[in-house]
Every structure is written in structure tokens, then in C-alpha cells.
Amino acid sequence: SFRLNIVIMTRLHNFLIFAFSIISFTIFGQTTINFSAGNNGQTVSTCSGFLIDSGGQGGNGYGNNENTVLTICPDNAEDIVNIHFTSFNLSNQSDSGNPQVPNVDYMDIYDGNTVDGTHMGTYSGTQLFNVVIQPTELNPTGCITLRFRSNSVGTGSFGASVTCSTPCVNPIASAEIVGAPVYDSIAICVGD
């Protein structure tokens, strides 16, 4: 009887977690962005999303020999995307046969809406775990482009939340001197 109660409580607990997850995704309208060959070259515009490797939610992670480019943009033109990698564990197994020139799985990040944007870095292993990627102020699109490539051996997984924010506008200083004896005759010192 005691063991039966534990089984029932465990199943009830699992059901409640599942139901809450479904309700949360439905209420908050989160977009699932699958980083798979079927989405290669696509642009996704969202401010409430979840980026996941080609293995999908609860899957075994990505596969071998993947080469996919995906651009993520904000839904609002004045915003920028924030990509927070909550999971990032790429295989460090090399298939090059040459330890001097390893060929491991990696992700390239570009500041813009194409791979022609400024290259922000190449990341492998766990380098992006718990890192937030944002466009720079020089990026007028607010988009980030990601290129993921896996080699022929070993697999891993990654996932990230996608949100947006409105960047701060840098102030522009401006002044005009009126009524001074000589045009531009006021000195302002640092610290005043």
C-alpha cells in the first residue's frame, strides 16, 4: 500500500509538471526554434522563444555532419535579441586525425542578419554555457546569426532562451552660449 502510494504520487507529480509546462508554453506563447537542417538559412522573428538543437526537446542532442545557419531577429524593429544559452555542451571529439589541427563541433556567432555580419566568435565545448549574446550598437537590425557545425564523430546538445530588450539610446551633448562677452568663452573643467 505504501509503495502504491509512492507510485501514484510520483505519477501525479510528473503529470502536474507536464501539465504546467504545456500551460506555460500556451499562455506565454513561446516559439520553439529548432536548429535543424529543415530551418537552414531561415530567419525567425521572436521575442519569446526557445532555441534547441536538432534533437529537439527531450531528444538525444544534435547529430553528426550538421551544418546549419539560423538568424534570430526581434519582432519589434527598435528592439534587440538576447540569446541566453542555458545549455551548451558540444562534442570535443576531433575527426581530423591530426592533433595539431583539431576539427571539433562549434558554433559561430555573427552580429547581424547574415553571416556577412561582424564575426563575434567561434565557440566549442561548454564555452557558451550560461552566456547571453546580444547585438552590438553598430548592428541596426537587432539580429544575431548563428552557424552550427558538427563533425563526423561525437554529439552533444545545446539550448537557449530568446528574449528581446530595448537598447538605451546614448545621449548627445549639446550646448549654446548666449550673452557671453566672447563667443564660446565659457570654460568647463572635468569634475564641474
N, C-alpha and C. Protein backbone atom coordinates (compact mmCIF):
# COMPACT_ATOMS: atom_id res chain seq x y z
N SER A 1 0.82 -1.19 0.00
CA SER A 1 0.00 0.00 0.00
C SER A 1 0.86 1.26 0.00
N PHE A 2 1.89 1.24 0.87
CA PHE A 2 2.80 2.39 0.92
C PHE A 2 3.51 2.59 -0.42
N ARG A 3 3.99 1.46 -1.00
CA ARG A 3 4.68 1.53 -2.29
C ARG A 3 3.74 2.01 -3.39
N LEU A 4 2.49 1.58 -3.38
CA LEU A 4 1.50 2.01 -4.35
C LEU A 4 1.25 3.51 -4.23
N ASN A 5 1.19 4.03 -3.01
CA ASN A 5 1.01 5.47 -2.81
C ASN A 5 2.19 6.26 -3.39
N ILE A 6 3.40 5.76 -3.24
CA ILE A 6 4.58 6.43 -3.79
C ILE A 6 4.50 6.46 -5.32
N VAL A 7 4.11 5.34 -5.92
CA VAL A 7 3.98 5.28 -7.37
C VAL A 7 2.91 6.27 -7.84
N ILE A 8 1.77 6.29 -7.16
CA ILE A 8 0.69 7.21 -7.53
C ILE A 8 1.15 8.65 -7.38
N MET A 9 1.81 8.98 -6.28
CA MET A 9 2.29 10.35 -6.05
C MET A 9 3.34 10.74 -7.09
N THR A 10 4.22 9.82 -7.46
CA THR A 10 5.23 10.10 -8.48
C THR A 10 4.57 10.39 -9.82
N ARG A 11 3.58 9.57 -10.17
CA ARG A 11 2.88 9.79 -11.44
C ARG A 11 2.10 11.09 -11.42
N LEU A 12 1.47 11.40 -10.31
CA LEU A 12 0.75 12.66 -10.17
C LEU A 12 1.71 13.84 -10.28
N HIS A 13 2.84 13.73 -9.63
CA HIS A 13 3.87 14.78 -9.70
C HIS A 13 4.33 15.00 -11.14
N ASN A 14 4.65 13.91 -11.84
CA ASN A 14 5.09 14.01 -13.24
C ASN A 14 4.00 14.60 -14.12
N PHE A 15 2.75 14.19 -13.89
CA PHE A 15 1.64 14.74 -14.67
C PHE A 15 1.49 16.24 -14.44
N LEU A 16 1.59 16.68 -13.18
CA LEU A 16 1.45 18.11 -12.87
C LEU A 16 2.57 18.92 -13.51
N ILE A 17 3.79 18.40 -13.50
CA ILE A 17 4.90 19.10 -14.16
C ILE A 17 4.63 19.21 -15.65
N PHE A 18 4.20 18.10 -16.26
CA PHE A 18 3.89 18.10 -17.69
C PHE A 18 2.77 19.10 -18.01
N ALA A 19 1.69 19.06 -17.21
CA ALA A 19 0.55 19.95 -17.45
C ALA A 19 0.96 21.41 -17.29
N PHE A 20 1.74 21.72 -16.27
CA PHE A 20 2.20 23.09 -16.05
C PHE A 20 3.06 23.55 -17.22
N SER A 21 3.93 22.67 -17.72
CA SER A 21 4.78 23.03 -18.86
C SER A 21 3.94 23.36 -20.09
N ILE A 22 2.94 22.54 -20.37
CA ILE A 22 2.08 22.78 -21.53
C ILE A 22 1.32 24.09 -21.35
N ILE A 23 0.76 24.32 -20.18
CA ILE A 23 0.01 25.55 -19.92
C ILE A 23 0.91 26.76 -20.03
N SER A 24 2.13 26.68 -19.49
CA SER A 24 3.07 27.80 -19.56
C SER A 24 3.41 28.15 -21.00
N PHE A 25 3.71 27.13 -21.80
CA PHE A 25 4.06 27.40 -23.20
C PHE A 25 2.87 27.98 -23.94
N THR A 26 1.66 27.51 -23.62
CA THR A 26 0.47 28.02 -24.29
C THR A 26 0.17 29.46 -23.88
N ILE A 27 0.22 29.73 -22.60
CA ILE A 27 -0.11 31.06 -22.10
C ILE A 27 0.91 32.09 -22.58
N PHE A 28 2.16 31.76 -22.47
CA PHE A 28 3.20 32.73 -22.78
C PHE A 28 3.58 32.74 -24.26
N GLY A 29 3.06 31.83 -25.05
CA GLY A 29 3.26 31.83 -26.49
C GLY A 29 4.72 31.72 -26.92
N GLN A 30 5.48 30.93 -26.24
CA GLN A 30 6.90 30.79 -26.55
C GLN A 30 7.08 30.02 -27.85
N THR A 31 7.93 30.55 -28.72
CA THR A 31 8.23 29.92 -30.00
C THR A 31 9.39 28.94 -29.84
N THR A 32 9.21 27.71 -30.31
CA THR A 32 10.32 26.75 -30.31
C THR A 32 11.08 26.91 -31.62
N ILE A 33 12.37 27.15 -31.52
CA ILE A 33 13.22 27.35 -32.69
C ILE A 33 14.14 26.14 -32.77
N ASN A 34 13.85 25.22 -33.68
CA ASN A 34 14.63 24.00 -33.83
C ASN A 34 15.80 24.26 -34.77
N PHE A 35 17.00 24.08 -34.27
CA PHE A 35 18.22 24.33 -35.05
C PHE A 35 18.52 23.09 -35.89
N SER A 36 17.73 22.89 -36.95
CA SER A 36 17.84 21.68 -37.76
C SER A 36 18.02 22.04 -39.23
N ALA A 37 18.38 21.05 -40.03
CA ALA A 37 18.59 21.25 -41.47
C ALA A 37 17.34 21.82 -42.14
N GLY A 38 16.16 21.46 -41.65
CA GLY A 38 14.91 21.97 -42.21
C GLY A 38 14.75 23.47 -42.04
N ASN A 39 15.46 24.06 -41.09
CA ASN A 39 15.41 25.50 -40.85
C ASN A 39 16.67 26.22 -41.35
N ASN A 40 17.54 25.51 -42.05
CA ASN A 40 18.77 26.11 -42.54
C ASN A 40 18.49 27.33 -43.42
N GLY A 41 19.16 28.44 -43.11
CA GLY A 41 19.00 29.66 -43.90
C GLY A 41 17.78 30.48 -43.53
N GLN A 42 17.02 30.04 -42.53
CA GLN A 42 15.79 30.74 -42.16
C GLN A 42 16.07 31.88 -41.18
N THR A 43 15.14 32.84 -41.16
CA THR A 43 15.15 33.92 -40.17
C THR A 43 13.89 33.77 -39.33
N VAL A 44 14.07 33.76 -38.02
CA VAL A 44 12.94 33.65 -37.08
C VAL A 44 12.87 34.96 -36.32
N SER A 45 11.70 35.58 -36.31
CA SER A 45 11.48 36.82 -35.55
C SER A 45 10.64 36.49 -34.33
N THR A 46 11.23 36.63 -33.16
CA THR A 46 10.52 36.37 -31.92
C THR A 46 11.20 37.07 -30.76
N CYS A 47 10.43 37.39 -29.75
CA CYS A 47 10.96 37.94 -28.50
C CYS A 47 10.62 37.02 -27.33
N SER A 48 10.10 35.86 -27.65
CA SER A 48 9.79 34.87 -26.63
C SER A 48 9.96 33.50 -27.25
N GLY A 49 11.19 32.99 -27.18
CA GLY A 49 11.45 31.73 -27.85
C GLY A 49 12.42 30.85 -27.09
N PHE A 50 12.51 29.63 -27.56
CA PHE A 50 13.44 28.65 -27.02
C PHE A 50 14.16 28.01 -28.18
N LEU A 51 15.46 28.23 -28.25
CA LEU A 51 16.32 27.67 -29.30
C LEU A 51 16.83 26.32 -28.81
N ILE A 52 16.70 25.30 -29.65
CA ILE A 52 17.14 23.97 -29.24
C ILE A 52 17.81 23.26 -30.41
N ASP A 53 18.75 22.37 -30.09
CA ASP A 53 19.46 21.64 -31.14
C ASP A 53 18.50 20.74 -31.91
N SER A 54 19.00 20.12 -32.98
CA SER A 54 18.15 19.33 -33.88
C SER A 54 17.53 18.10 -33.23
N GLY A 55 18.05 17.68 -32.08
CA GLY A 55 17.46 16.53 -31.38
C GLY A 55 16.11 16.84 -30.78
N GLY A 56 15.81 18.15 -30.62
CA GLY A 56 14.52 18.56 -30.08
C GLY A 56 14.44 18.41 -28.58
N GLN A 57 13.33 18.91 -28.03
CA GLN A 57 13.10 18.86 -26.59
C GLN A 57 13.07 17.42 -26.11
N GLY A 58 13.90 17.09 -25.14
CA GLY A 58 13.95 15.74 -24.59
C GLY A 58 14.67 14.73 -25.47
N GLY A 59 15.23 15.20 -26.59
CA GLY A 59 15.93 14.30 -27.51
C GLY A 59 17.35 14.00 -27.05
N ASN A 60 18.08 13.31 -27.90
CA ASN A 60 19.45 12.91 -27.59
C ASN A 60 20.49 13.94 -28.01
N GLY A 61 20.07 15.12 -28.42
CA GLY A 61 21.03 16.12 -28.88
C GLY A 61 21.15 16.10 -30.39
N TYR A 62 22.06 16.91 -30.89
CA TYR A 62 22.25 17.03 -32.34
C TYR A 62 22.97 15.80 -32.91
N GLY A 63 22.96 15.70 -34.24
CA GLY A 63 23.60 14.58 -34.91
C GLY A 63 24.95 14.96 -35.51
N ASN A 64 25.57 14.02 -36.15
CA ASN A 64 26.85 14.25 -36.83
C ASN A 64 26.63 14.90 -38.19
N ASN A 65 27.65 15.60 -38.67
CA ASN A 65 27.68 16.22 -40.00
C ASN A 65 26.57 17.24 -40.23
N GLU A 66 26.25 18.01 -39.22
CA GLU A 66 25.28 19.09 -39.38
C GLU A 66 26.02 20.37 -39.75
N ASN A 67 25.39 21.20 -40.56
CA ASN A 67 25.93 22.50 -40.94
C ASN A 67 24.73 23.40 -41.22
N THR A 68 24.33 24.17 -40.21
CA THR A 68 23.09 24.93 -40.28
C THR A 68 23.32 26.38 -39.88
N VAL A 69 22.69 27.28 -40.64
CA VAL A 69 22.72 28.72 -40.33
C VAL A 69 21.31 29.16 -40.00
N LEU A 70 21.16 29.92 -38.91
CA LEU A 70 19.86 30.39 -38.47
C LEU A 70 20.02 31.82 -37.95
N THR A 71 19.11 32.70 -38.37
CA THR A 71 19.13 34.09 -37.91
C THR A 71 17.93 34.33 -37.01
N ILE A 72 18.18 34.99 -35.88
CA ILE A 72 17.10 35.30 -34.94
C ILE A 72 17.03 36.82 -34.82
N CYS A 73 15.83 37.36 -35.08
CA CYS A 73 15.59 38.81 -35.05
C CYS A 73 14.47 39.13 -34.06
N PRO A 74 14.44 40.36 -33.57
CA PRO A 74 13.33 40.76 -32.69
C PRO A 74 12.05 40.98 -33.48
N ASP A 75 10.87 40.85 -32.81
CA ASP A 75 9.61 41.15 -33.51
C ASP A 75 9.43 42.64 -33.72
N ASN A 76 10.05 43.46 -32.88
CA ASN A 76 9.93 44.92 -32.96
C ASN A 76 11.24 45.50 -33.47
N ALA A 77 11.18 46.33 -34.50
CA ALA A 77 12.38 46.85 -35.15
C ALA A 77 13.28 47.66 -34.22
N GLU A 78 12.74 48.22 -33.14
CA GLU A 78 13.58 49.01 -32.23
C GLU A 78 14.26 48.17 -31.16
N ASP A 79 13.93 46.89 -31.07
CA ASP A 79 14.50 46.02 -30.05
C ASP A 79 15.72 45.27 -30.55
N ILE A 80 16.38 44.57 -29.62
CA ILE A 80 17.48 43.67 -29.96
C ILE A 80 17.19 42.32 -29.32
N VAL A 81 17.71 41.24 -29.92
CA VAL A 81 17.52 39.91 -29.33
C VAL A 81 18.57 39.66 -28.26
N ASN A 82 18.19 38.86 -27.29
CA ASN A 82 19.10 38.37 -26.25
C ASN A 82 19.02 36.85 -26.31
N ILE A 83 20.13 36.19 -26.56
CA ILE A 83 20.15 34.73 -26.62
C ILE A 83 20.96 34.24 -25.42
N HIS A 84 20.26 33.61 -24.47
CA HIS A 84 20.90 33.12 -23.24
C HIS A 84 21.03 31.60 -23.32
N PHE A 85 22.26 31.13 -23.47
CA PHE A 85 22.50 29.69 -23.58
C PHE A 85 22.40 29.05 -22.20
N THR A 86 21.29 28.38 -21.96
CA THR A 86 21.06 27.70 -20.69
C THR A 86 21.66 26.31 -20.68
N SER A 87 22.03 25.83 -21.86
CA SER A 87 22.69 24.54 -22.03
C SER A 87 23.61 24.67 -23.24
N PHE A 88 24.85 24.27 -23.09
CA PHE A 88 25.79 24.31 -24.22
C PHE A 88 26.91 23.32 -23.92
N ASN A 89 26.85 22.17 -24.58
CA ASN A 89 27.83 21.12 -24.35
C ASN A 89 28.10 20.42 -25.68
N LEU A 90 29.00 21.00 -26.47
CA LEU A 90 29.33 20.45 -27.79
C LEU A 90 30.47 19.43 -27.66
N SER A 91 30.44 18.44 -28.53
CA SER A 91 31.47 17.41 -28.52
C SER A 91 32.83 17.99 -28.88
N ASN A 92 33.84 17.59 -28.11
CA ASN A 92 35.22 18.00 -28.39
C ASN A 92 36.00 16.90 -29.10
N GLN A 93 35.30 15.86 -29.56
CA GLN A 93 35.98 14.80 -30.30
C GLN A 93 36.34 15.32 -31.68
N SER A 94 37.59 15.15 -32.07
CA SER A 94 38.04 15.60 -33.39
C SER A 94 38.03 14.44 -34.37
N ASP A 95 37.67 14.74 -35.61
CA ASP A 95 37.71 13.71 -36.65
C ASP A 95 38.82 14.00 -37.67
N SER A 96 39.74 14.90 -37.32
CA SER A 96 40.77 15.28 -38.30
C SER A 96 41.91 14.27 -38.37
N GLY A 97 42.15 13.52 -37.30
CA GLY A 97 43.29 12.60 -37.30
C GLY A 97 44.60 13.31 -37.03
N ASN A 98 44.57 14.62 -36.93
CA ASN A 98 45.77 15.41 -36.68
C ASN A 98 45.55 16.23 -35.40
N PRO A 99 46.24 15.88 -34.31
CA PRO A 99 46.03 16.62 -33.06
C PRO A 99 46.45 18.09 -33.16
N GLN A 100 47.28 18.43 -34.12
CA GLN A 100 47.69 19.82 -34.30
C GLN A 100 46.60 20.67 -34.94
N VAL A 101 45.69 20.02 -35.68
CA VAL A 101 44.60 20.72 -36.35
C VAL A 101 43.29 20.02 -36.00
N PRO A 102 42.78 20.24 -34.79
CA PRO A 102 41.54 19.55 -34.41
C PRO A 102 40.34 20.06 -35.20
N ASN A 103 39.42 19.17 -35.43
CA ASN A 103 38.16 19.50 -36.11
C ASN A 103 37.03 19.07 -35.19
N VAL A 104 36.59 20.00 -34.31
CA VAL A 104 35.54 19.69 -33.32
C VAL A 104 34.25 20.41 -33.70
N ASP A 105 33.17 20.07 -33.03
CA ASP A 105 31.88 20.74 -33.25
C ASP A 105 31.98 22.17 -32.72
N TYR A 106 31.35 23.11 -33.42
CA TYR A 106 31.44 24.51 -33.00
C TYR A 106 30.25 25.32 -33.45
N MET A 107 30.11 26.51 -32.85
CA MET A 107 29.08 27.46 -33.24
C MET A 107 29.75 28.81 -33.49
N ASP A 108 29.47 29.40 -34.66
CA ASP A 108 29.92 30.75 -34.99
C ASP A 108 28.77 31.70 -34.71
N ILE A 109 29.09 32.90 -34.22
CA ILE A 109 28.08 33.91 -33.95
C ILE A 109 28.42 35.17 -34.73
N TYR A 110 27.42 35.71 -35.43
CA TYR A 110 27.60 36.90 -36.26
C TYR A 110 26.66 38.01 -35.79
N ASP A 111 27.18 39.22 -35.76
CA ASP A 111 26.43 40.40 -35.33
C ASP A 111 25.67 40.97 -36.53
N GLY A 112 24.46 40.49 -36.76
CA GLY A 112 23.67 40.96 -37.90
C GLY A 112 22.75 39.88 -38.41
N ASN A 113 22.10 40.18 -39.53
CA ASN A 113 21.09 39.25 -40.06
C ASN A 113 21.62 38.32 -41.15
N THR A 114 22.96 38.24 -41.32
CA THR A 114 23.57 37.28 -42.24
C THR A 114 24.95 36.89 -41.70
N VAL A 115 25.55 35.90 -42.34
CA VAL A 115 26.92 35.52 -41.97
C VAL A 115 27.93 36.55 -42.47
N ASP A 116 27.45 37.57 -43.19
CA ASP A 116 28.32 38.67 -43.60
C ASP A 116 28.47 39.71 -42.49
N GLY A 117 27.70 39.57 -41.40
CA GLY A 117 27.83 40.47 -40.26
C GLY A 117 29.18 40.24 -39.58
N THR A 118 29.50 41.12 -38.66
CA THR A 118 30.76 41.00 -37.92
C THR A 118 30.80 39.69 -37.16
N HIS A 119 31.88 38.94 -37.34
CA HIS A 119 32.05 37.66 -36.65
C HIS A 119 32.37 37.93 -35.18
N MET A 120 31.49 37.47 -34.29
CA MET A 120 31.66 37.73 -32.85
C MET A 120 32.47 36.64 -32.15
N GLY A 121 32.63 35.49 -32.80
CA GLY A 121 33.43 34.43 -32.19
C GLY A 121 33.02 33.05 -32.63
N THR A 122 33.91 32.09 -32.36
CA THR A 122 33.67 30.67 -32.61
C THR A 122 33.77 29.97 -31.26
N TYR A 123 32.76 29.15 -30.94
CA TYR A 123 32.67 28.57 -29.61
C TYR A 123 32.47 27.06 -29.70
N SER A 124 33.13 26.33 -28.79
CA SER A 124 33.00 24.88 -28.75
C SER A 124 32.95 24.43 -27.29
N GLY A 125 32.86 23.12 -27.08
CA GLY A 125 32.83 22.60 -25.72
C GLY A 125 31.68 23.19 -24.93
N THR A 126 31.99 23.80 -23.78
CA THR A 126 30.97 24.42 -22.92
C THR A 126 31.15 25.94 -22.86
N GLN A 127 31.85 26.51 -23.81
CA GLN A 127 32.20 27.93 -23.76
C GLN A 127 31.01 28.88 -23.70
N LEU A 128 29.86 28.52 -24.25
CA LEU A 128 28.71 29.42 -24.23
C LEU A 128 27.72 29.12 -23.12
N PHE A 129 28.01 28.13 -22.28
CA PHE A 129 27.07 27.80 -21.21
C PHE A 129 26.87 29.01 -20.30
N ASN A 130 25.62 29.37 -20.10
CA ASN A 130 25.20 30.49 -19.24
C ASN A 130 25.70 31.85 -19.75
N VAL A 131 25.90 31.97 -21.04
CA VAL A 131 26.34 33.23 -21.66
C VAL A 131 25.15 33.84 -22.41
N VAL A 132 25.04 35.17 -22.33
CA VAL A 132 24.00 35.90 -23.06
C VAL A 132 24.66 36.61 -24.24
N ILE A 133 24.14 36.38 -25.43
CA ILE A 133 24.65 37.01 -26.65
C ILE A 133 23.68 38.12 -27.04
N GLN A 134 24.22 39.32 -27.31
CA GLN A 134 23.41 40.45 -27.76
C GLN A 134 24.12 41.12 -28.94
N PRO A 135 23.35 41.75 -29.82
CA PRO A 135 23.96 42.52 -30.90
C PRO A 135 24.71 43.73 -30.33
N THR A 136 25.68 44.22 -31.10
CA THR A 136 26.39 45.43 -30.69
C THR A 136 25.59 46.65 -31.11
N GLU A 137 26.00 47.83 -30.63
CA GLU A 137 25.29 49.07 -31.03
C GLU A 137 25.48 49.39 -32.50
N LEU A 138 26.48 48.79 -33.15
CA LEU A 138 26.71 49.04 -34.57
C LEU A 138 25.79 48.22 -35.47
N ASN A 139 24.99 47.33 -34.87
CA ASN A 139 24.10 46.45 -35.61
C ASN A 139 22.71 47.08 -35.66
N PRO A 140 22.30 47.63 -36.81
CA PRO A 140 20.99 48.29 -36.90
C PRO A 140 19.81 47.33 -36.95
N THR A 141 20.05 46.03 -37.18
CA THR A 141 18.94 45.07 -37.32
C THR A 141 18.47 44.51 -35.99
N GLY A 142 19.33 44.48 -34.97
CA GLY A 142 19.00 43.85 -33.70
C GLY A 142 19.04 42.33 -33.77
N CYS A 143 19.49 41.78 -34.90
CA CYS A 143 19.51 40.33 -35.14
C CYS A 143 20.87 39.72 -34.80
N ILE A 144 20.85 38.43 -34.53
CA ILE A 144 22.06 37.62 -34.36
C ILE A 144 21.94 36.43 -35.30
N THR A 145 23.02 36.12 -36.02
CA THR A 145 23.05 34.94 -36.89
C THR A 145 23.97 33.90 -36.27
N LEU A 146 23.50 32.65 -36.24
CA LEU A 146 24.26 31.55 -35.67
C LEU A 146 24.55 30.52 -36.76
N ARG A 147 25.77 30.01 -36.77
CA ARG A 147 26.11 28.89 -37.67
C ARG A 147 26.63 27.76 -36.79
N PHE A 148 25.95 26.61 -36.87
CA PHE A 148 26.37 25.44 -36.10
C PHE A 148 26.90 24.39 -37.05
N ARG A 149 28.04 23.80 -36.68
CA ARG A 149 28.63 22.74 -37.48
C ARG A 149 29.10 21.61 -36.58
N SER A 150 28.69 20.39 -36.91
CA SER A 150 29.20 19.22 -36.18
C SER A 150 30.00 18.37 -37.15
N ASN A 151 31.02 17.70 -36.61
CA ASN A 151 31.85 16.84 -37.45
C ASN A 151 31.24 15.43 -37.51
N SER A 152 32.04 14.45 -37.90
CA SER A 152 31.50 13.11 -38.13
C SER A 152 31.56 12.19 -36.91
N VAL A 153 32.08 12.68 -35.78
CA VAL A 153 32.15 11.85 -34.58
C VAL A 153 31.69 12.62 -33.35
N GLY A 154 31.00 11.93 -32.46
CA GLY A 154 30.58 12.54 -31.19
C GLY A 154 29.45 13.55 -31.37
N THR A 155 28.59 13.60 -30.39
CA THR A 155 27.49 14.57 -30.42
C THR A 155 27.37 15.23 -29.05
N GLY A 156 26.53 16.23 -28.99
CA GLY A 156 26.30 16.97 -27.75
C GLY A 156 24.92 17.60 -27.82
N SER A 157 24.75 18.68 -27.07
CA SER A 157 23.45 19.34 -27.06
C SER A 157 23.61 20.80 -26.70
N PHE A 158 22.59 21.59 -27.05
CA PHE A 158 22.54 22.99 -26.65
C PHE A 158 21.11 23.48 -26.67
N GLY A 159 20.87 24.50 -25.86
CA GLY A 159 19.56 25.13 -25.80
C GLY A 159 19.72 26.54 -25.27
N ALA A 160 18.82 27.42 -25.67
CA ALA A 160 18.91 28.82 -25.24
C ALA A 160 17.53 29.45 -25.21
N SER A 161 17.36 30.40 -24.30
CA SER A 161 16.13 31.19 -24.30
C SER A 161 16.37 32.42 -25.16
N VAL A 162 15.34 32.86 -25.86
CA VAL A 162 15.43 34.04 -26.72
C VAL A 162 14.43 35.07 -26.21
N THR A 163 14.94 36.23 -25.86
CA THR A 163 14.10 37.34 -25.42
C THR A 163 14.55 38.59 -26.16
N CYS A 164 13.90 39.69 -25.91
CA CYS A 164 14.29 40.96 -26.52
C CYS A 164 14.38 42.04 -25.46
N SER A 165 15.10 43.07 -25.79
CA SER A 165 15.17 44.25 -24.93
C SER A 165 15.30 45.47 -25.83
N THR A 166 14.97 46.61 -25.27
CA THR A 166 15.11 47.87 -25.99
C THR A 166 16.42 48.50 -25.54
N PRO A 167 17.35 48.70 -26.47
CA PRO A 167 18.63 49.25 -26.06
C PRO A 167 18.51 50.71 -25.64
N CYS A 168 19.41 51.11 -24.75
CA CYS A 168 19.46 52.51 -24.32
C CYS A 168 20.00 53.35 -25.46
N VAL A 169 19.48 54.54 -25.57
CA VAL A 169 19.98 55.48 -26.58
C VAL A 169 21.03 56.34 -25.91
N ASN A 170 22.22 56.38 -26.51
CA ASN A 170 23.29 57.20 -25.95
C ASN A 170 22.91 58.67 -26.05
N PRO A 171 23.10 59.42 -24.97
CA PRO A 171 22.76 60.85 -25.03
C PRO A 171 23.74 61.61 -25.93
N ILE A 172 23.24 62.67 -26.56
CA ILE A 172 24.08 63.53 -27.38
C ILE A 172 24.13 64.88 -26.68
N ALA A 173 25.35 65.26 -26.29
CA ALA A 173 25.51 66.53 -25.58
C ALA A 173 25.44 67.69 -26.57
N SER A 174 24.78 68.74 -26.14
CA SER A 174 24.65 69.92 -26.98
C SER A 174 24.52 71.14 -26.08
N ALA A 175 25.17 72.21 -26.45
CA ALA A 175 25.08 73.44 -25.66
C ALA A 175 25.28 74.64 -26.56
N GLU A 176 24.73 75.74 -26.11
CA GLU A 176 24.90 77.00 -26.84
C GLU A 176 25.11 78.10 -25.80
N ILE A 177 26.08 78.91 -26.02
CA ILE A 177 26.37 80.01 -25.09
C ILE A 177 25.69 81.26 -25.61
N VAL A 178 24.84 81.84 -24.75
CA VAL A 178 24.09 83.03 -25.14
C VAL A 178 24.45 84.16 -24.17
N GLY A 179 24.78 85.34 -24.70
CA GLY A 179 25.04 86.51 -23.88
C GLY A 179 26.44 86.57 -23.30
N ALA A 180 27.34 85.72 -23.70
CA ALA A 180 28.73 85.79 -23.20
C ALA A 180 29.46 86.90 -23.93
N PRO A 181 30.47 87.52 -23.26
CA PRO A 181 31.21 88.62 -23.92
C PRO A 181 31.94 88.16 -25.17
N VAL A 182 32.43 86.96 -25.20
CA VAL A 182 33.12 86.42 -26.37
C VAL A 182 32.46 85.08 -26.69
N TYR A 183 32.19 84.85 -27.98
CA TYR A 183 31.55 83.61 -28.41
C TYR A 183 32.36 82.42 -27.89
N ASP A 184 31.71 81.46 -27.32
CA ASP A 184 32.33 80.26 -26.75
C ASP A 184 33.37 80.61 -25.69
N SER A 185 33.03 81.52 -24.77
CA SER A 185 34.02 81.97 -23.80
C SER A 185 33.87 81.34 -22.42
N ILE A 186 33.12 80.27 -22.31
CA ILE A 186 32.95 79.64 -21.00
C ILE A 186 33.79 78.37 -20.97
N ALA A 187 34.57 78.21 -19.90
CA ALA A 187 35.39 77.01 -19.73
C ALA A 187 34.68 76.07 -18.75
N ILE A 188 34.65 74.84 -19.09
CA ILE A 188 34.07 73.83 -18.21
C ILE A 188 35.17 72.83 -17.92
N CYS A 189 35.45 72.62 -16.67
CA CYS A 189 36.52 71.72 -16.27
C CYS A 189 35.96 70.36 -15.86
N VAL A 190 36.78 69.33 -16.00
CA VAL A 190 36.38 67.98 -15.61
C VAL A 190 36.07 68.01 -14.12
N GLY A 191 34.95 67.43 -13.74
CA GLY A 191 34.56 67.38 -12.34
C GLY A 191 33.57 68.47 -11.97
N ASP A 192 33.38 69.50 -12.80
CA ASP A 192 32.42 70.57 -12.51
C ASP A 192 31.03 70.16 -12.90
